[in-house]
Every structure is written in structure tokens, then in C-alpha cells.
Protein backbone atom coordinates (compact mmCIF):
# COMPACT_ATOMS: atom_id res chain seq x y z
CA UNK A 1 0.01 0.00 0.01
CA UNK A 2 1.58 3.25 -1.17
CA UNK A 3 1.59 6.47 0.81
CA UNK A 4 2.13 10.22 0.42
CA UNK A 5 4.38 12.19 2.76
CA UNK A 6 3.30 15.81 2.54
CA UNK A 7 5.19 18.80 3.93
CA UNK A 8 2.54 21.42 4.53
CA UNK A 9 2.71 25.18 4.15
CA UNK A 10 4.11 25.49 0.66
CA UNK A 11 2.39 27.81 -1.79
CA UNK A 12 1.76 26.81 -5.39
CA UNK A 13 2.36 29.04 -8.41
CA UNK A 14 2.00 28.43 -12.14
CA UNK A 15 -0.20 26.80 -14.73
CA UNK A 16 -1.77 23.36 -14.64
CA UNK A 17 -3.70 21.47 -17.28
CA UNK A 18 -6.62 19.28 -16.11
CA UNK A 19 -6.65 15.66 -17.14
CA UNK A 20 -9.35 14.13 -19.32
CA UNK A 21 -12.59 13.41 -17.51
CA UNK A 22 -12.58 10.11 -15.63
CA UNK A 23 -16.36 9.68 -15.57
CA UNK A 24 -16.67 10.39 -19.30
CA UNK A 25 -13.81 8.02 -20.10
CA UNK A 26 -15.53 5.09 -18.39
CA UNK A 27 -18.70 5.68 -20.42
CA UNK A 28 -17.19 6.12 -23.88
CA UNK A 29 -14.65 3.29 -23.50
CA UNK A 30 -17.54 0.92 -22.73
CA UNK A 31 -19.34 2.28 -25.83
CA UNK A 32 -16.55 1.03 -28.06
CA UNK A 33 -18.05 -2.46 -27.54
CA UNK A 34 -21.03 -1.43 -29.65
CA UNK A 35 -19.12 -1.62 -32.98
CA UNK A 36 -16.63 -3.88 -34.70
CA UNK A 37 -15.03 -0.85 -36.32
CA UNK A 38 -12.17 1.23 -34.92
CA UNK A 39 -12.89 3.95 -32.37
CA UNK A 40 -10.18 6.45 -31.41
CA UNK A 41 -10.48 8.32 -28.10
CA UNK A 42 -8.27 11.31 -27.19
CA UNK A 43 -7.38 12.89 -23.84
CA UNK A 44 -7.75 9.65 -21.87
CA UNK A 45 -6.40 10.11 -18.33
CA UNK A 46 -3.69 7.79 -17.06
CA UNK A 47 -5.47 6.67 -13.88
CA UNK A 48 -6.14 3.34 -12.24
CA UNK A 49 -9.87 3.07 -12.90
CA UNK A 50 -9.51 3.85 -16.59
CA UNK A 51 -6.42 1.67 -17.04
CA UNK A 52 -8.17 -1.24 -15.34
CA UNK A 53 -11.18 -0.89 -17.68
CA UNK A 54 -8.90 -0.80 -20.74
CA UNK A 55 -7.13 -3.92 -19.50
CA UNK A 56 -10.49 -5.65 -19.00
CA UNK A 57 -11.52 -4.86 -22.60
CA UNK A 58 -8.21 -6.28 -23.83
CA UNK A 59 -8.93 -9.51 -21.93
CA UNK A 60 -12.35 -9.59 -23.62
CA UNK A 61 -10.68 -9.56 -27.05
CA UNK A 62 -10.77 -5.90 -27.90
CA UNK A 63 -7.77 -4.74 -29.95
CA UNK A 64 -6.35 -1.75 -28.08
CA UNK A 65 -3.46 0.38 -29.32
CA UNK A 66 -1.88 3.30 -27.52
CA UNK A 67 -1.31 5.88 -30.24
CA UNK A 68 0.25 8.49 -27.96
CA UNK A 69 0.31 9.15 -24.18
CA UNK A 70 -3.40 10.09 -24.01
CA UNK A 71 -4.89 8.59 -27.20
CA UNK A 72 -6.03 4.97 -27.74
CA UNK A 73 -7.72 3.08 -30.54
CA UNK A 74 -10.24 0.35 -29.78
CA UNK A 75 -11.53 -2.32 -32.15
CA UNK A 76 -14.05 -4.75 -30.71
CA UNK A 77 -14.37 -7.00 -33.79
CA UNK A 78 -13.64 -10.28 -32.03
CA UNK A 79 -15.15 -10.30 -28.53
CA UNK A 80 -14.48 -13.45 -26.53
CA UNK A 81 -17.85 -14.01 -24.90
CA UNK A 82 -16.55 -17.18 -23.19
CA UNK A 83 -14.14 -15.05 -21.19
CA UNK A 84 -17.08 -13.21 -19.68
CA UNK A 85 -18.11 -16.43 -18.01
CA UNK A 86 -14.76 -17.00 -16.28
CA UNK A 87 -13.79 -16.39 -12.68
CA UNK A 88 -11.01 -14.05 -13.85
CA UNK A 89 -13.54 -11.82 -15.63
CA UNK A 90 -15.85 -11.79 -12.57
CA UNK A 91 -12.98 -10.82 -10.27
CA UNK A 92 -11.78 -7.98 -12.45
CA UNK A 93 -15.19 -6.53 -13.23
CA UNK A 94 -16.30 -6.69 -9.59
CA UNK A 95 -13.36 -4.49 -8.55
CA UNK A 96 -14.36 -1.65 -10.89
CA UNK A 97 -17.51 0.39 -10.36
CA UNK A 98 -17.59 1.76 -13.92
CA UNK A 99 -17.67 -1.73 -15.31
CA UNK A 100 -21.45 -1.82 -14.77
CA UNK A 101 -21.70 0.14 -18.05
CA UNK A 102 -20.50 -2.90 -19.98
CA UNK A 103 -23.99 -4.37 -19.58
CA UNK A 104 -25.75 -2.06 -22.07
CA UNK A 105 -23.31 -2.54 -24.98
CA UNK A 106 -22.94 -6.32 -24.53
CA UNK A 107 -26.69 -6.87 -24.25
CA UNK A 108 -27.43 -4.65 -27.23
CA UNK A 109 -24.86 -6.22 -29.53
CA UNK A 110 -24.72 -9.85 -28.35
CA UNK A 111 -28.02 -10.39 -26.49
CA UNK A 112 -26.44 -11.34 -23.13
CA UNK A 113 -24.36 -9.88 -20.35
CA UNK A 114 -23.27 -10.90 -16.87
CA UNK A 115 -21.84 -8.82 -14.05
CA UNK A 116 -21.26 -9.39 -10.35
CA UNK A 117 -22.03 -6.69 -7.83
CA UNK A 118 -19.50 -3.98 -8.77
CA UNK A 119 -16.92 -2.46 -6.44
CA UNK A 120 -15.52 1.04 -6.17
CA UNK A 121 -15.66 3.59 -3.40
CA UNK A 122 -16.81 2.77 0.13
CA UNK A 123 -19.28 5.64 0.15
CA UNK A 124 -22.58 3.93 0.93
CA UNK A 125 -25.20 2.14 -1.08
CA UNK A 126 -25.24 2.69 -4.81
CA UNK A 127 -28.26 0.90 -6.12
CA UNK A 128 -28.38 -0.77 -9.53
CA UNK A 129 -32.15 -0.69 -9.88
CA UNK A 130 -32.13 2.16 -12.37
CA UNK A 131 -29.81 0.21 -14.68
CA UNK A 132 -31.71 -3.10 -14.51
CA UNK A 133 -35.29 -1.80 -14.42
CA UNK A 134 -34.74 0.32 -17.48
CA UNK A 135 -33.05 -2.42 -19.47
CA UNK A 136 -35.73 -4.91 -18.48
CA UNK A 137 -38.40 -2.57 -19.87
CA UNK A 138 -36.64 -2.88 -23.19
CA UNK A 139 -37.28 -6.61 -23.05
CA UNK A 140 -34.28 -8.11 -21.25
CA UNK A 141 -34.66 -10.90 -18.73
CA UNK A 142 -32.76 -10.60 -15.46
CA UNK A 143 -31.58 -13.54 -13.29
CA UNK A 144 -29.72 -13.02 -10.00
CA UNK A 145 -27.59 -15.81 -8.67
CA UNK A 146 -27.55 -15.07 -4.94
CA UNK A 147 -24.81 -17.60 -4.21
CA UNK A 148 -22.46 -16.14 -6.78
CA UNK A 149 -23.80 -12.58 -6.35
CA UNK A 150 -24.06 -12.51 -10.15
CA UNK A 151 -26.53 -10.62 -12.37
CA UNK A 152 -27.24 -12.16 -15.77
CA UNK A 153 -29.23 -10.42 -18.48
CA UNK A 154 -30.43 -11.85 -21.76
CA UNK A 155 -32.61 -10.66 -24.66
CA UNK A 156 -33.42 -12.02 -28.07
CA UNK A 157 -34.80 -8.74 -29.31
CA UNK A 158 -34.83 -5.41 -27.49
CA UNK A 159 -37.80 -3.16 -28.23
CA UNK A 160 -38.12 0.59 -27.76
CA UNK A 161 -40.24 1.81 -24.82
CA UNK A 162 -41.15 4.92 -22.87
CA UNK A 163 -39.01 4.75 -19.74
CA UNK A 164 -39.32 7.13 -16.82
CA UNK A 165 -36.23 6.75 -14.64
CA UNK A 166 -36.84 6.77 -10.89
CA UNK A 167 -33.60 8.75 -10.44
CA UNK A 168 -31.42 10.76 -12.80
CA UNK A 169 -28.53 8.30 -12.54
CA UNK A 170 -25.58 9.20 -14.76
CA UNK A 171 -24.29 5.63 -15.24
CA UNK A 172 -27.86 4.34 -15.38
CA UNK A 173 -28.72 6.75 -18.18
CA UNK A 174 -25.51 5.88 -20.04
CA UNK A 175 -26.15 2.13 -19.74
CA UNK A 176 -29.74 2.44 -20.93
CA UNK A 177 -28.75 4.79 -23.77
CA UNK A 178 -26.20 2.29 -25.06
CA UNK A 179 -28.69 -0.57 -24.83
CA UNK A 180 -31.39 1.46 -26.63
CA UNK A 181 -29.35 2.34 -29.71
CA UNK A 182 -30.04 -1.16 -31.14
CA UNK A 183 -33.56 -1.54 -29.75
CA UNK A 184 -36.29 -1.91 -32.37
CA UNK A 185 -38.42 1.22 -32.70
CA UNK A 186 -38.32 4.31 -30.50
CA UNK A 187 -37.11 4.60 -26.93
CA UNK A 188 -37.83 7.63 -24.79
CA UNK A 189 -35.73 8.05 -21.64
CA UNK A 190 -37.30 10.65 -19.35
CA UNK A 191 -35.65 12.03 -16.16
CA UNK A 192 -32.37 11.16 -17.87
CA UNK A 193 -29.14 12.51 -16.40
CA UNK A 194 -28.02 15.50 -18.48
CA UNK A 195 -24.40 15.92 -17.27
CA UNK A 196 -21.93 17.08 -19.92
CA UNK A 197 -20.42 13.61 -19.91
CA UNK A 198 -23.76 11.95 -20.85
CA UNK A 199 -24.04 14.66 -23.53
CA UNK A 200 -20.57 13.72 -24.76
CA UNK A 201 -21.48 10.03 -24.90
CA UNK A 202 -24.64 10.88 -26.85
CA UNK A 203 -22.69 12.94 -29.39
CA UNK A 204 -20.13 10.13 -29.78
CA UNK A 205 -22.90 7.59 -30.44
CA UNK A 206 -24.46 9.87 -33.03
CA UNK A 207 -21.13 10.12 -34.84
CA UNK A 208 -21.08 6.28 -34.80
CA UNK A 209 -24.48 6.25 -36.50
CA UNK A 210 -27.00 6.27 -33.64
CA UNK A 211 -30.16 8.39 -33.85
CA UNK A 212 -30.58 10.39 -30.64
CA UNK A 213 -32.63 13.54 -30.09
CA UNK A 214 -32.85 15.76 -27.02
CA UNK A 215 -29.09 15.65 -26.29
CA UNK A 216 -28.24 17.76 -23.25
CA UNK A 217 -31.80 17.56 -21.88
CA UNK A 218 -33.50 15.21 -19.43
CA UNK A 219 -35.62 13.64 -22.20
CA UNK A 220 -33.68 11.56 -24.72
CA UNK A 221 -35.35 9.99 -27.78
CA UNK A 222 -33.53 7.08 -29.35
CA UNK A 223 -34.52 5.53 -32.65
CA UNK A 224 -33.00 2.11 -33.03
CA UNK A 225 -30.50 1.28 -35.74
CA UNK A 226 -29.01 -2.07 -36.74
CA UNK A 227 -25.35 -1.16 -36.79
CA UNK A 228 -22.81 1.40 -35.55
CA UNK A 229 -19.52 2.39 -37.08
CA UNK A 230 -16.25 3.84 -35.86
CA UNK A 231 -15.47 7.45 -34.94
CA UNK A 232 -12.97 9.73 -33.23
CA UNK A 233 -13.81 11.31 -29.89
CA UNK A 234 -12.08 13.70 -27.49
CA UNK A 235 -12.79 13.77 -23.74
CA UNK A 236 -13.67 16.96 -21.90
CA UNK A 237 -11.36 18.08 -19.08
CA UNK A 238 -12.23 16.63 -15.69
CA UNK A 239 -14.54 19.04 -13.83
CA UNK A 240 -13.82 17.35 -10.48
CA UNK A 241 -10.09 17.82 -10.91
CA UNK A 242 -10.68 21.47 -11.87
CA UNK A 243 -12.70 21.99 -8.69
CA UNK A 244 -10.00 20.24 -6.67
CA UNK A 245 -7.36 22.66 -8.03
CA UNK A 246 -9.57 25.63 -7.06
CA UNK A 247 -9.75 24.21 -3.54
CA UNK A 248 -5.97 23.66 -3.36
CA UNK A 249 -5.23 27.21 -4.44
CA UNK A 250 -7.59 28.65 -1.82
CA UNK A 251 -6.33 26.48 1.07
CA UNK A 252 -2.66 27.24 0.35
CA UNK A 253 -3.12 30.88 -0.60
CA UNK A 254 -1.62 30.04 -3.99
CA UNK A 255 -1.74 31.63 -7.42
CA UNK A 256 -2.56 29.15 -10.17
CA UNK A 257 -4.09 29.17 -13.63
CA UNK A 258 -6.14 26.16 -14.64
CA UNK A 259 -5.72 25.95 -18.40
CA UNK A 260 -8.26 24.88 -21.04
CA UNK A 261 -11.03 24.30 -18.45
CA UNK A 262 -13.97 24.09 -20.86
CA UNK A 263 -15.76 26.60 -18.66
CA UNK A 264 -19.05 26.25 -20.46
CA UNK A 265 -19.24 22.67 -19.18
CA UNK A 266 -18.46 23.45 -15.51
CA UNK A 267 -22.03 24.51 -14.62
CA UNK A 268 -22.25 26.11 -11.17
CA UNK A 269 -18.94 24.78 -9.91
CA UNK A 270 -16.98 28.10 -10.15
CA UNK A 271 -19.91 30.04 -8.61
CA UNK A 272 -20.19 27.51 -5.75
CA UNK A 273 -16.58 28.20 -4.79
CA UNK A 274 -17.20 31.92 -5.09
CA UNK A 275 -20.00 31.52 -2.51
CA UNK A 276 -17.28 30.32 -0.09
CA UNK A 277 -15.50 33.62 -0.69
CA UNK A 278 -12.90 32.35 -3.18
CA UNK A 279 -11.93 34.56 -6.11
CA UNK A 280 -12.27 32.61 -9.36
CA UNK A 281 -11.61 34.64 -12.49
CA UNK A 282 -12.31 33.59 -16.10
CA UNK A 283 -9.59 34.39 -18.63
CA UNK A 284 -10.76 33.07 -21.95
CA UNK A 285 -11.18 29.32 -21.35
CA UNK A 286 -8.78 29.39 -18.35
CA UNK A 287 -9.60 29.85 -14.64
CA UNK A 288 -7.24 32.10 -12.67
CA UNK A 289 -7.13 31.79 -8.89
CA UNK A 290 -5.20 34.69 -7.32
CA UNK A 291 -3.44 34.30 -3.93
CA UNK A 292 -5.91 34.90 -1.11
CA UNK A 293 -4.81 35.20 2.52
CA UNK A 294 -8.40 34.98 3.71
CA UNK A 295 -11.90 34.49 2.30
CA UNK A 296 -15.37 34.81 3.83
CA UNK A 297 -18.34 32.50 3.32
CA UNK A 298 -21.47 34.23 2.01
CA UNK A 299 -24.82 34.06 3.85
CA UNK A 300 -28.18 33.70 2.20
CA UNK A 301 -29.98 36.95 1.41
CA UNK A 302 -32.08 36.66 4.56
CA UNK A 303 -28.92 36.30 6.67
CA UNK A 304 -29.25 32.55 7.32
CA UNK A 305 -26.28 30.16 7.18
CA UNK A 306 -25.26 29.14 3.70
CA UNK A 307 -26.12 25.54 2.68
CA UNK A 308 -24.17 23.83 -0.09
CA UNK A 309 -25.85 20.65 -1.32
CA UNK A 310 -25.45 18.25 -4.18
CA UNK A 311 -28.14 17.79 -6.84
CA UNK A 312 -28.58 16.22 -10.27
CA UNK A 313 -27.08 18.35 -13.08
CA UNK A 314 -27.21 21.28 -13.51
CA UNK A 315 -26.97 21.20 -9.75
CA UNK A 316 -23.65 20.76 -7.92
CA UNK A 317 -21.93 17.43 -8.41
CA UNK A 318 -21.60 15.36 -5.23
CA UNK A 319 -17.99 14.55 -6.09
CA UNK A 320 -16.90 18.06 -5.04
CA UNK A 321 -18.61 18.35 -1.66
CA UNK A 322 -15.68 16.74 0.18
CA UNK A 323 -13.33 19.34 -1.36
CA UNK A 324 -15.62 22.22 -0.49
CA UNK A 325 -15.97 20.98 3.06
CA UNK A 326 -12.16 21.10 3.50
CA UNK A 327 -11.97 24.56 1.87
CA UNK A 328 -14.58 25.90 4.28
CA UNK A 329 -12.41 25.06 7.34
CA UNK A 330 -10.05 27.92 6.44
CA UNK A 331 -12.79 30.43 5.60
CA UNK A 332 -14.38 33.04 7.85
CA UNK A 333 -17.97 31.99 8.64
CA UNK A 334 -20.16 28.91 8.73
CA UNK A 335 -21.62 26.63 6.12
CA UNK A 336 -23.77 23.51 6.13
CA UNK A 337 -22.55 20.84 3.74
CA UNK A 338 -25.45 18.54 2.77
CA UNK A 339 -24.44 15.35 0.97
CA UNK A 340 -27.75 13.95 -0.17
CA UNK A 341 -26.75 11.08 -2.40
CA UNK A 342 -24.24 8.99 -0.38
CA UNK A 343 -24.65 8.34 3.32
CA UNK A 344 -21.01 7.48 4.12
CA UNK A 345 -19.15 10.11 2.17
CA UNK A 346 -18.80 12.59 5.04
CA UNK A 347 -17.32 10.15 7.54
CA UNK A 348 -13.77 11.26 6.66
CA UNK A 349 -14.40 14.49 8.65
CA UNK A 350 -13.17 12.79 11.81
CA UNK A 351 -9.66 13.08 10.33
CA UNK A 352 -10.14 16.81 9.69
CA UNK A 353 -11.38 17.23 13.28
CA UNK A 354 -8.21 15.51 14.54
CA UNK A 355 -6.25 18.05 12.43
CA UNK A 356 -7.98 20.88 14.32
CA UNK A 357 -10.94 21.72 12.07
CA UNK A 358 -14.16 22.90 13.70
CA UNK A 359 -16.77 20.59 12.19
CA UNK A 360 -20.02 19.14 13.58
CA UNK A 361 -21.08 15.93 11.87
CA UNK A 362 -24.87 16.24 12.21
CA UNK A 363 -25.71 12.89 10.62
CA UNK A 364 -24.39 10.71 7.76
CA UNK A 365 -25.53 13.36 5.21
CA UNK A 366 -24.83 16.73 6.85
CA UNK A 367 -21.85 18.51 8.39
CA UNK A 368 -21.61 22.03 9.72
CA UNK A 369 -18.23 23.68 9.22
CA UNK A 370 -17.24 26.60 11.42
CA UNK A 371 -14.53 28.41 9.56
CA UNK A 372 -11.97 30.22 11.73
CA UNK A 373 -10.01 31.85 8.94
CA UNK A 374 -6.40 32.66 9.79
CA UNK A 375 -7.04 32.29 13.49
CA UNK A 376 -6.09 28.65 13.27
CA UNK A 377 -4.15 26.30 11.01
CA UNK A 378 -4.66 22.58 10.46
CA UNK A 379 -1.92 20.41 11.95
CA UNK A 380 -0.26 17.55 10.15
CA UNK A 381 -1.08 13.94 11.05
CA UNK A 382 -1.18 10.35 9.72
CA UNK A 383 -4.38 9.24 8.02
CA UNK A 384 -5.80 6.78 5.47
CA UNK A 385 -7.71 7.61 2.31
CA UNK A 386 -11.13 5.91 2.30
CA UNK A 387 -12.17 6.85 -1.26
CA UNK A 388 -11.12 8.97 -4.23
CA UNK A 389 -12.76 12.26 -3.28
CA UNK A 390 -12.04 12.05 0.41
CA UNK A 391 -8.46 11.19 -0.52
CA UNK A 392 -7.90 14.36 -2.56
CA UNK A 393 -9.62 16.38 0.14
CA UNK A 394 -7.22 15.04 2.79
CA UNK A 395 -4.34 15.82 0.45
CA UNK A 396 -5.57 19.39 0.17
CA UNK A 397 -5.83 19.60 3.97
CA UNK A 398 -2.29 18.22 4.41
CA UNK A 399 -0.85 20.71 1.92
CA UNK A 400 -2.20 23.59 3.95
CA UNK A 401 -1.40 22.13 7.38
CA UNK A 402 1.40 22.96 9.73
CA UNK A 403 4.00 20.17 9.82
CA UNK A 404 4.17 16.88 7.95
CA UNK A 405 1.29 14.55 7.12
CA UNK A 406 1.15 10.99 5.87
CA UNK A 407 -1.72 9.62 3.79
CA UNK A 408 -1.90 5.86 3.37
CA UNK A 409 -3.88 3.91 0.73
CA UNK A 410 -3.21 6.52 -1.95
CA UNK A 411 -4.19 3.95 -4.58
CA UNK A 412 -7.63 5.43 -3.95
CA UNK A 413 -6.39 8.82 -5.07
CA UNK A 414 -4.57 7.30 -8.07
CA UNK A 415 -7.89 5.83 -9.22
CA UNK A 416 -9.07 9.35 -10.14
CA UNK A 417 -6.08 11.72 -10.31
CA UNK A 418 -3.24 11.33 -12.80
CA UNK A 419 0.29 11.66 -11.36
CA UNK A 420 -1.09 14.18 -8.89
CA UNK A 421 2.07 14.31 -6.78
CA UNK A 422 4.35 14.99 -9.81
CA UNK A 423 2.06 17.65 -11.24
CA UNK A 424 1.63 19.50 -7.92
CA UNK A 425 5.35 19.30 -7.08
CA UNK A 426 6.04 21.18 -10.32
CA UNK A 427 3.98 24.02 -8.93
CA UNK A 428 5.84 24.06 -5.61
CA UNK A 429 4.22 21.37 -3.46
CA UNK A 430 6.30 18.98 -1.34
CA UNK A 431 4.78 15.57 -1.80
CA UNK A 432 6.80 12.38 -1.62
CA UNK A 433 5.44 9.02 -2.77
CA UNK A 434 6.52 5.94 -0.82
């Protein structure tokens, strides 16, 4: 188990380029299974979750070639369906949360798919009902082997239907969208997730030959086709990494420019940080964060304490609430962080409390942060990363803390952030990997 040793108190300065979007990469790489022709994807991040998915597709028989450091070609012309029945396949797919999106393409193209309960972050229950209920409405049959904890889906002929999703699940929408492209007739997906990454997947499928209307909205209409071809696709920059860099700059009073941020696809992320008092300036398609010795949390217009909560897009992504919670510890004022979607994601705050932060964990979903500004400074300590987003938040806290901190289990951070220690050290951080 690798660790980071962080010497706190160093300011960052310079420019940094965000990696390609992890969540988009997982979707579009799974979509390459829908065609036997070559698909080229650019701006793929070099992170564990994405690399593990690419390795899994190779094991399934997909021809994968690395064209340059961030560009790969995929050709799924000879899929080994027998491999999907092996214990090796089950072990690998169970360890990767994003692998659930293999179901839609495999079922659409080959009429069958099997997946065990997927793994990923330890952040509470993440139900699969939205995936399976939608796909079953298209005509698939689901069998669950309780002993093996294995879901098996089969369908001789998928047929288009009107489907109202019970929740605007991003991966659920992506899975259903990929299954529906080959369904006979018309499929309407209502209450669909409309994140930029689902929009990107939809545009990629259209370039492959799919017929999709309503892209970017919560109502997608898909008219089934019989075949898809190849295409070239470029990933957006990762909005979660961009938000993480904003938080790092604020906590360390640093001056950084986040280059090529695709600001039009960031939604309310910059404004949410501004509500915490952080100056975020737009310069073309870059975000400039000037050095700030202090920042003050806004109140609501009626004077009540600010609440920052996650919500389906265009609301605030839940993946940034952990970062915003850490950032608030150094602010002047109070804020209630309300994590609605995952009941275990705030449990890492006990580590911040041990570092000296003033936080009240109200329940599994809510935490009140009492920011003391420059009247206090976090102190370094030894801790363990429980998941990707908590891990980067603890790294931010350690970078601003007095003294040296150690973070164990940094494989969790590596799952979502590419060479984060190397990139931050270039800006002036002191992070050692052991």
C-alpha cells in the first residue's frame, strides 16, 4: 500500500492542465463495444480506474493500441464471450464500479451480459435498480444468482419503450442509452441525467451512426439502428479535478491558472466556490485563482447560514462536496454541507477534526463547518484515504497544514487523479510518494 508524505505550508504558483474526464472516459470506453469498427479516443487520463477498464476490454478480445500518451484506438471486432463467464472476468469486473456500463453494450450487440455486484468507493449504497429496471423494460430478462452474487441479463430482441427513470442516474442513463441504440423502434428516456459527460457520450454515439434527439436535456429519444460504425472522440477536461485545483489554491493561498477548463461545461462549480468567498476569475477558457490570505463565506440573502448541497445536473456534483468541506475550514464564517446522495461520504471528517478543524457531523448526510479563517491552521497527522474524493480532500488539507502529514492507501487517489504528486510538485508542493 503506497503512501504520500506531505510537507505542509508550501504555496503553489504556475499553470496546470486538467486531465481528461474520468467519468466520461468510463462511459465512452464501454461504448466502443457497440461496434466492430475502430474507435479512437483522445485525452484519456492515465489513472487506475480507466487503465483497469482498458485492461479488461483487452482481456475480452478488444484490440487496443496506444497511439500516444493520451490517445487509444479500440476495435471490438472479435469479442471473446466465453471469457465473460470465467472467474478471472468476474474478479476484475467486480473491482471496478464503472464496469457496470458494460452491460448495455454487450446486451445490445450480443443479447447477453453478466456482471457481479460492482466495487468502487466505500461511500454507501449505490443501487443498480435504475440500470436493470430500465433495461428490463426494453425486453431483457434478469436472473440474479444469490450464491455467486451474479446478475445475468439476456434478450433475443430489445424493443423501444417509454422509460421514466426513478432517479437521474448518470451511469444508469449511459447504460440504458447504449442498450437502446439497437432496440427496435423508438425509446424515450425521461428524467435522464443530463451531465456534460452523458451529452458527450450521446454525441459520440451519433457520430457512430446512432439516432438520438434531445441531447443535453433530461428527455432523450432514441430511434434504433441495426449497426454502428467507428469514430473519433475527445474527452472533456475533468470538472472534479478542476474543482480540486480551485480548492488547493484557496487552502494554500496560492496563485494558479487552470488551463483549457472548458468553462461552459463546468455549470455552477465556479460560482459555488465563489460563495465560499474564493476569487475565481475567467480568462478566456482558463480559470485564474489569485493568492488569497483569507476568504469569507457568504450568507443567504435573509442572513441565514449558507447551505451547499449536491443535486442532479445542472446542480452541484456530489464529487466536489468533500473538497468544498475542507476549503470551508479555512474560511471566515459557517456553512452547512449537505451530501444527499451517499450516506457514508462525510465520515472522513473525523480526520479533519483531529487536524484541528471545527466541524459538527450532524448525521451521515450533513456536516456544519465553522470556519476560523487565519485564527487557526490545520496540523499535520497520519491518516488513510477511504475513497477517491475524500483522498484528494485530505491531500488538500495536508498541503495547507502545519508540519508533515502521511496519507496511506493513496491507490484510492490514483484511481481518479493522474500523477497528482508529480504535477503538484512542479507548482511548488512538497509531496513524496513511498
